[in-house]
């Protein structure tokens, strides 16, 4: 049965507190965090890991100078860790393959114990396709991580040989957006009007209204819905990985919602979306978390030994696949935590990267 160790952990728990609760799960380990910059939860996540003496802490992102800035800050407080910067552009499959090749080539880092797939984009105002012809939010938030993880998985498998079952982990940072919908299977790239989709794939128009989005049924591309789709994929990816890797190798993967944090993630958001956020905050619908509070759920997902594969509970599938406010949540949309949907996504992802991964 999957569970959490500390029922007292909640939305206000800081990542450093979680790290201190599970020091042995970090000490001497090799950990990767993607999407690290000083103003984001990736840095808060890395900082918490660094506090408990990992052997290697690899921080990944698109900008070398920002990564080095983060390493400089981390060294001020935790100087005995081996920090490494990894250039990783998740929206470009060629760049992802180059980054994976670099990681595989590190002979002094033979194993990887934990990765937190934290990087992501949101609010891209106009429909944009990558060089591979994939909508950029889905490509960056899911496909890039899917490819990167599968390419470097041999080092996870090697780590799992010496770790307790389930201690080797792949954590996918999702979002509360995954509570709204699932994958837009019939129109992945947002070419059709929403009203022309099968009813089950149409957006949650009530969510659109909350965000000030009008005429949602007549719209094709809506940045919020592209984000929803990508964040549902993060959870489904975790289910797909666990189904393939847990029993065979002892590798566990989950998705989690970090909460609402005022970071650079919203830099592309429209004025209407920013106004909607301010209004929801004014009404008390949410409270902004600190970077440490926003990082804590990733730490629980990565470290808590009581967590296990998702299961059906109270007649609902996917209990344990989605963690929120440091506790297991049933809040994700049913299509975002379904084994059947996870298998469909795995096959689609293989097609989009033109490579099969049979673990």
Protein backbone atom coordinates (compact mmCIF):
# COMPACT_ATOMS: atom_id res chain seq x y z
CA UNK A 1 0.00 0.00 0.00
CA UNK A 2 1.37 3.40 -0.97
CA UNK A 3 1.38 6.04 1.77
CA UNK A 4 3.42 8.90 3.22
CA UNK A 5 5.56 8.85 6.35
CA UNK A 6 4.79 12.31 7.71
CA UNK A 7 1.07 13.07 7.80
CA UNK A 8 1.92 16.44 9.35
CA UNK A 9 3.66 17.64 6.18
CA UNK A 10 1.42 20.04 4.28
CA UNK A 11 1.28 23.07 1.99
CA UNK A 12 3.42 25.08 4.40
CA UNK A 13 6.19 22.52 4.78
CA UNK A 14 9.59 23.68 3.52
CA UNK A 15 11.78 21.52 1.27
CA UNK A 16 14.70 21.73 3.70
CA UNK A 17 12.48 20.23 6.40
CA UNK A 18 11.68 17.29 4.12
CA UNK A 19 15.35 16.79 3.22
CA UNK A 20 16.29 16.70 6.91
CA UNK A 21 13.60 14.08 7.52
CA UNK A 22 15.17 11.69 4.98
CA UNK A 23 18.94 12.37 5.06
CA UNK A 24 19.97 8.80 4.24
CA UNK A 25 17.97 8.91 0.99
CA UNK A 26 20.20 11.78 -0.19
CA UNK A 27 23.66 11.27 1.31
CA UNK A 28 26.14 9.93 -1.24
CA UNK A 29 23.55 9.81 -4.02
CA UNK A 30 23.64 11.19 -7.55
CA UNK A 31 20.73 13.52 -8.24
CA UNK A 32 19.58 15.49 -11.30
CA UNK A 33 17.20 18.45 -11.20
CA UNK A 34 16.07 19.97 -14.50
CA UNK A 35 14.94 23.57 -14.97
CA UNK A 36 17.12 25.23 -12.34
CA UNK A 37 17.35 29.01 -11.99
CA UNK A 38 17.67 31.20 -8.92
CA UNK A 39 14.08 32.43 -9.00
CA UNK A 40 12.42 29.06 -9.50
CA UNK A 41 11.50 25.97 -7.51
CA UNK A 42 14.20 24.05 -9.35
CA UNK A 43 16.74 25.98 -7.31
CA UNK A 44 14.76 25.42 -4.10
CA UNK A 45 14.70 21.70 -4.89
CA UNK A 46 18.44 21.57 -5.62
CA UNK A 47 19.21 23.58 -2.49
CA UNK A 48 17.30 21.14 -0.28
CA UNK A 49 19.09 18.15 -1.81
CA UNK A 50 22.46 19.88 -1.41
CA UNK A 51 21.84 20.28 2.33
CA UNK A 52 22.19 16.53 2.95
CA UNK A 53 25.49 15.81 1.14
CA UNK A 54 24.70 14.09 -2.14
CA UNK A 55 27.78 12.83 -3.98
CA UNK A 56 26.84 14.54 -7.23
CA UNK A 57 24.18 17.18 -7.86
CA UNK A 58 23.56 17.81 -11.55
CA UNK A 59 21.51 20.87 -12.39
CA UNK A 60 20.15 21.16 -15.91
CA UNK A 61 18.82 24.05 -17.96
CA UNK A 62 19.15 25.92 -21.23
CA UNK A 63 21.36 28.77 -20.00
CA UNK A 64 24.96 28.08 -18.93
CA UNK A 65 25.41 31.39 -17.11
CA UNK A 66 22.22 30.89 -15.07
CA UNK A 67 23.31 27.40 -14.11
CA UNK A 68 26.73 28.62 -13.02
CA UNK A 69 25.04 31.39 -11.02
CA UNK A 70 23.03 28.72 -9.20
CA UNK A 71 26.10 26.60 -8.55
CA UNK A 72 27.85 29.63 -7.12
CA UNK A 73 25.00 30.21 -4.68
CA UNK A 74 24.81 26.55 -3.71
CA UNK A 75 28.55 26.41 -3.02
CA UNK A 76 28.30 29.32 -0.59
CA UNK A 77 26.21 27.18 1.73
CA UNK A 78 27.07 23.60 0.80
CA UNK A 79 30.62 23.55 -0.58
CA UNK A 80 31.42 19.83 -0.32
CA UNK A 81 29.03 18.67 -3.06
CA UNK A 82 30.17 17.90 -6.61
CA UNK A 83 27.98 20.22 -8.69
CA UNK A 84 27.67 19.88 -12.44
CA UNK A 85 25.89 22.04 -14.99
CA UNK A 86 24.15 20.27 -17.86
CA UNK A 87 22.88 22.19 -20.88
CA UNK A 88 19.47 20.72 -21.68
CA UNK A 89 17.05 22.23 -24.19
CA UNK A 90 13.98 20.04 -23.80
CA UNK A 91 12.19 21.56 -26.78
CA UNK A 92 14.77 20.24 -29.25
CA UNK A 93 15.20 16.49 -29.56
CA UNK A 94 18.69 16.77 -31.05
CA UNK A 95 19.77 18.85 -28.05
CA UNK A 96 18.15 16.36 -25.65
CA UNK A 97 20.08 13.52 -27.24
CA UNK A 98 23.32 15.50 -26.93
CA UNK A 99 22.68 16.14 -23.22
CA UNK A 100 21.90 12.47 -22.62
CA UNK A 101 25.09 11.46 -24.42
CA UNK A 102 27.06 13.77 -22.16
CA UNK A 103 25.55 12.21 -19.03
CA UNK A 104 26.18 8.69 -20.29
CA UNK A 105 29.79 9.67 -20.99
CA UNK A 106 30.58 10.67 -17.40
CA UNK A 107 32.66 7.67 -16.33
CA UNK A 108 32.97 9.05 -12.78
CA UNK A 109 29.16 9.13 -12.45
CA UNK A 110 28.23 5.50 -13.12
CA UNK A 111 24.79 5.67 -11.50
CA UNK A 112 21.88 8.08 -11.10
CA UNK A 113 19.63 7.63 -8.10
CA UNK A 114 17.06 10.42 -8.37
CA UNK A 115 15.91 12.85 -11.03
CA UNK A 116 13.37 15.62 -10.59
CA UNK A 117 11.98 16.61 -13.97
CA UNK A 118 11.16 20.14 -12.90
CA UNK A 119 11.71 22.13 -16.11
CA UNK A 120 8.71 23.46 -17.96
CA UNK A 121 7.17 26.29 -19.95
CA UNK A 122 3.68 27.82 -19.88
CA UNK A 123 1.56 30.57 -21.35
CA UNK A 124 3.04 30.54 -24.87
CA UNK A 125 0.70 33.08 -26.50
CA UNK A 126 0.65 31.70 -30.04
CA UNK A 127 0.54 28.13 -31.30
CA UNK A 128 4.15 27.17 -31.93
CA UNK A 129 5.61 23.94 -33.30
CA UNK A 130 9.10 22.60 -32.67
CA UNK A 131 11.48 21.53 -35.42
CA UNK A 132 9.98 18.05 -35.04
CA UNK A 133 6.46 19.43 -35.66
CA UNK A 134 5.18 19.08 -32.08
CA UNK A 135 3.32 21.78 -30.13
CA UNK A 136 6.07 23.38 -28.07
CA UNK A 137 4.52 23.17 -24.60
CA UNK A 138 3.84 19.44 -24.92
CA UNK A 139 7.22 18.93 -26.57
CA UNK A 140 9.12 20.71 -23.79
CA UNK A 141 7.17 19.66 -20.74
CA UNK A 142 6.70 16.01 -21.69
CA UNK A 143 8.43 14.75 -24.83
CA UNK A 144 11.82 16.23 -23.94
CA UNK A 145 11.76 14.61 -20.51
CA UNK A 146 10.44 11.33 -21.96
CA UNK A 147 13.36 11.14 -24.36
CA UNK A 148 16.01 12.29 -21.87
CA UNK A 149 14.97 9.83 -19.17
CA UNK A 150 14.76 6.85 -21.48
CA UNK A 151 18.18 7.60 -22.96
CA UNK A 152 19.91 7.82 -19.57
CA UNK A 153 17.89 5.04 -17.95
CA UNK A 154 20.79 2.54 -17.96
CA UNK A 155 22.40 4.59 -15.17
CA UNK A 156 19.17 4.43 -13.13
CA UNK A 157 19.03 0.67 -13.60
CA UNK A 158 22.63 0.40 -12.40
CA UNK A 159 21.81 2.52 -9.31
CA UNK A 160 18.76 0.42 -8.52
CA UNK A 161 20.91 -2.69 -8.14
CA UNK A 162 22.28 -1.32 -4.86
CA UNK A 163 19.25 0.65 -3.65
CA UNK A 164 16.21 -0.55 -1.76
CA UNK A 165 13.24 -1.28 -4.00
CA UNK A 166 11.57 2.00 -4.92
CA UNK A 167 14.41 4.22 -3.68
CA UNK A 168 15.61 4.94 -7.21
CA UNK A 169 13.13 7.54 -8.44
CA UNK A 170 12.05 9.62 -11.41
CA UNK A 171 9.87 12.52 -10.31
CA UNK A 172 7.81 14.51 -12.80
CA UNK A 173 6.72 17.95 -11.61
CA UNK A 174 3.17 18.36 -12.85
CA UNK A 175 0.63 21.00 -11.83
CA UNK A 176 -2.89 21.53 -10.57
CA UNK A 177 -3.64 22.02 -14.27
CA UNK A 178 -3.68 18.22 -14.49
CA UNK A 179 -6.88 18.28 -12.45
CA UNK A 180 -8.72 19.86 -15.38
CA UNK A 181 -8.30 17.43 -18.28
CA UNK A 182 -6.19 14.82 -20.04
CA UNK A 183 -4.57 14.35 -23.46
CA UNK A 184 -6.09 15.80 -26.63
CA UNK A 185 -5.53 12.59 -28.59
CA UNK A 186 -7.39 13.55 -31.76
CA UNK A 187 -5.74 16.98 -32.04
CA UNK A 188 -2.40 17.02 -30.24
CA UNK A 189 -1.21 20.16 -32.03
CA UNK A 190 -4.37 22.27 -31.57
CA UNK A 191 -5.44 22.50 -35.19
CA UNK A 192 -9.19 22.01 -34.63
CA UNK A 193 -11.74 24.13 -32.84
CA UNK A 194 -12.44 22.80 -29.38
CA UNK A 195 -16.12 22.23 -30.16
CA UNK A 196 -15.15 19.86 -32.98
CA UNK A 197 -13.25 17.49 -30.72
CA UNK A 198 -14.80 14.34 -29.20
CA UNK A 199 -16.70 15.46 -26.11
CA UNK A 200 -14.33 13.63 -23.74
CA UNK A 201 -11.35 15.58 -25.13
CA UNK A 202 -12.92 19.02 -25.10
CA UNK A 203 -11.51 21.51 -22.59
CA UNK A 204 -13.06 22.11 -19.20
CA UNK A 205 -14.87 25.30 -20.18
CA UNK A 206 -15.59 26.16 -16.55
CA UNK A 207 -11.85 26.36 -15.98
CA UNK A 208 -11.59 28.60 -19.04
CA UNK A 209 -14.16 30.96 -17.51
CA UNK A 210 -12.21 31.16 -14.25
CA UNK A 211 -9.17 32.22 -16.23
CA UNK A 212 -11.08 34.82 -18.20
CA UNK A 213 -10.96 32.86 -21.46
CA UNK A 214 -14.01 33.57 -23.61
CA UNK A 215 -15.35 31.74 -26.68
CA UNK A 216 -13.42 28.62 -25.67
CA UNK A 217 -15.53 26.36 -27.85
CA UNK A 218 -14.62 28.37 -30.95
CA UNK A 219 -10.90 28.43 -30.13
CA UNK A 220 -8.28 26.05 -31.44
CA UNK A 221 -5.07 26.86 -29.60
CA UNK A 222 -5.44 28.10 -26.04
CA UNK A 223 -2.18 28.32 -24.08
CA UNK A 224 -3.87 27.19 -20.86
CA UNK A 225 -5.14 23.99 -22.50
CA UNK A 226 -1.72 23.24 -23.98
CA UNK A 227 -0.33 23.47 -20.46
CA UNK A 228 -3.12 21.28 -19.07
CA UNK A 229 -2.34 18.61 -21.64
CA UNK A 230 1.39 18.67 -20.90
CA UNK A 231 0.87 18.46 -17.15
CA UNK A 232 -1.50 15.51 -17.50
CA UNK A 233 1.25 13.88 -19.55
CA UNK A 234 3.70 14.33 -16.67
CA UNK A 235 1.55 12.16 -14.40
CA UNK A 236 0.84 9.59 -17.09
CA UNK A 237 4.56 9.35 -17.86
CA UNK A 238 5.19 8.45 -14.22
CA UNK A 239 2.58 5.69 -14.40
CA UNK A 240 4.09 4.35 -17.62
CA UNK A 241 7.58 4.32 -16.13
CA UNK A 242 6.46 2.63 -12.91
CA UNK A 243 4.53 -0.03 -14.84
CA UNK A 244 7.70 -0.89 -16.74
CA UNK A 245 10.39 -0.40 -14.13
CA UNK A 246 9.15 -0.99 -10.58
CA UNK A 247 8.75 -4.75 -10.47
CA UNK A 248 11.65 -5.47 -12.82
CA UNK A 249 14.22 -2.99 -11.52
CA UNK A 250 12.79 -1.34 -8.39
CA UNK A 251 12.49 2.12 -9.98
CA UNK A 252 9.51 4.28 -8.97
CA UNK A 253 8.08 7.32 -10.73
CA UNK A 254 5.39 9.78 -9.62
CA UNK A 255 3.90 13.13 -10.61
CA UNK A 256 3.31 16.02 -8.25
CA UNK A 257 1.73 19.46 -7.98
CA UNK A 258 4.10 21.95 -6.32
CA UNK A 259 1.43 24.57 -5.62
CA UNK A 260 1.19 28.16 -6.84
CA UNK A 261 4.52 29.98 -6.69
CA UNK A 262 5.36 33.38 -8.11
CA UNK A 263 8.14 32.41 -10.55
CA UNK A 264 9.25 33.14 -14.10
CA UNK A 265 7.01 30.33 -15.37
CA UNK A 266 4.22 32.90 -15.93
CA UNK A 267 6.39 35.31 -17.92
CA UNK A 268 4.55 34.50 -21.18
CA UNK A 269 1.06 34.81 -19.66
CA UNK A 270 -1.39 37.31 -21.14
CA UNK A 271 -2.68 40.34 -19.23
CA UNK A 272 -6.04 38.59 -18.90
CA UNK A 273 -4.41 35.55 -17.32
CA UNK A 274 -2.34 37.65 -14.93
CA UNK A 275 -5.46 39.61 -13.95
CA UNK A 276 -7.33 36.35 -13.37
CA UNK A 277 -4.54 35.11 -11.09
CA UNK A 278 -4.64 38.34 -9.06
CA UNK A 279 -8.42 38.12 -8.73
CA UNK A 280 -8.32 34.50 -7.60
CA UNK A 281 -5.67 35.36 -5.04
CA UNK A 282 -7.78 38.31 -3.82
CA UNK A 283 -10.73 35.97 -3.33
CA UNK A 284 -8.56 33.65 -1.26
CA UNK A 285 -8.71 30.76 -3.74
CA UNK A 286 -5.00 30.17 -3.23
CA UNK A 287 -2.00 31.53 -1.37
CA UNK A 288 1.38 31.89 -3.01
CA UNK A 289 3.97 29.47 -1.67
CA UNK A 290 7.61 30.31 -1.01
CA UNK A 291 10.23 28.62 -3.19
CA UNK A 292 10.93 26.22 -0.32
CA UNK A 293 7.24 25.37 0.12
CA UNK A 294 6.90 24.96 -3.65
CA UNK A 295 9.83 22.54 -3.68
CA UNK A 296 8.80 20.41 -0.72
CA UNK A 297 6.36 18.12 -2.52
CA UNK A 298 9.06 17.19 -5.03
CA UNK A 299 11.27 16.22 -2.09
CA UNK A 300 8.55 14.06 -0.56
CA UNK A 301 7.97 12.38 -3.93
CA UNK A 302 11.68 11.76 -4.34
CA UNK A 303 12.50 10.56 -0.83
CA UNK A 304 9.61 9.17 1.21
CA UNK A 305 10.19 5.38 1.53
CA UNK A 306 6.50 4.61 2.11
CA UNK A 307 5.51 5.73 -1.38
CA UNK A 308 4.90 2.99 -3.90
CA UNK A 309 3.18 2.28 -7.22
CA UNK A 310 -0.25 3.81 -7.72
CA UNK A 311 -3.29 1.70 -6.99
CA UNK A 312 -7.06 1.75 -7.18
CA UNK A 313 -8.61 3.15 -4.03
CA UNK A 314 -12.24 3.98 -3.29
CA UNK A 315 -13.01 2.79 -6.80
CA UNK A 316 -10.70 5.40 -8.35
CA UNK A 317 -7.62 4.58 -10.35
CA UNK A 318 -4.23 6.21 -9.83
CA UNK A 319 -4.00 6.71 -6.06
CA UNK A 320 -0.31 7.43 -5.47
CA UNK A 321 0.42 8.70 -8.98
CA UNK A 322 -0.18 12.33 -7.97
CA UNK A 323 1.13 14.09 -4.87
CA UNK A 324 0.01 17.52 -3.71
CA UNK A 325 0.90 19.58 -0.62
CA UNK A 326 3.26 16.77 0.46
CA UNK A 327 0.48 14.15 0.54
CA UNK A 328 -1.06 11.69 -1.90
CA UNK A 329 -4.00 13.25 -3.71
CA UNK A 330 -6.87 11.83 -5.75
CA UNK A 331 -7.35 15.24 -7.35
CA UNK A 332 -5.85 14.63 -10.78
CA UNK A 333 -8.32 14.26 -13.63
CA UNK A 334 -9.31 10.61 -14.20
CA UNK A 335 -7.79 10.73 -17.71
CA UNK A 336 -4.54 12.04 -16.21
CA UNK A 337 -4.03 9.01 -13.95
CA UNK A 338 -5.37 6.14 -16.02
CA UNK A 339 -3.21 3.12 -16.87
CA UNK A 340 -4.87 2.87 -20.27
CA UNK A 341 -4.13 6.53 -21.02
CA UNK A 342 -0.55 6.06 -19.78
CA UNK A 343 0.01 3.24 -22.26
CA UNK A 344 -1.43 5.29 -25.11
CA UNK A 345 0.89 8.16 -24.18
CA UNK A 346 3.94 5.89 -24.06
CA UNK A 347 3.25 4.61 -27.58
CA UNK A 348 2.57 8.09 -28.91
CA UNK A 349 5.74 9.43 -27.28
CA UNK A 350 7.82 6.69 -28.90
CA UNK A 351 6.36 7.66 -32.27
CA UNK A 352 7.17 11.33 -31.71
CA UNK A 353 10.82 10.61 -30.85
CA UNK A 354 11.08 7.89 -33.50
CA UNK A 355 12.50 5.33 -31.07
CA UNK A 356 11.09 2.42 -29.08
CA UNK A 357 12.02 1.84 -25.46
CA UNK A 358 11.26 -1.70 -24.32
CA UNK A 359 12.33 -1.92 -20.70
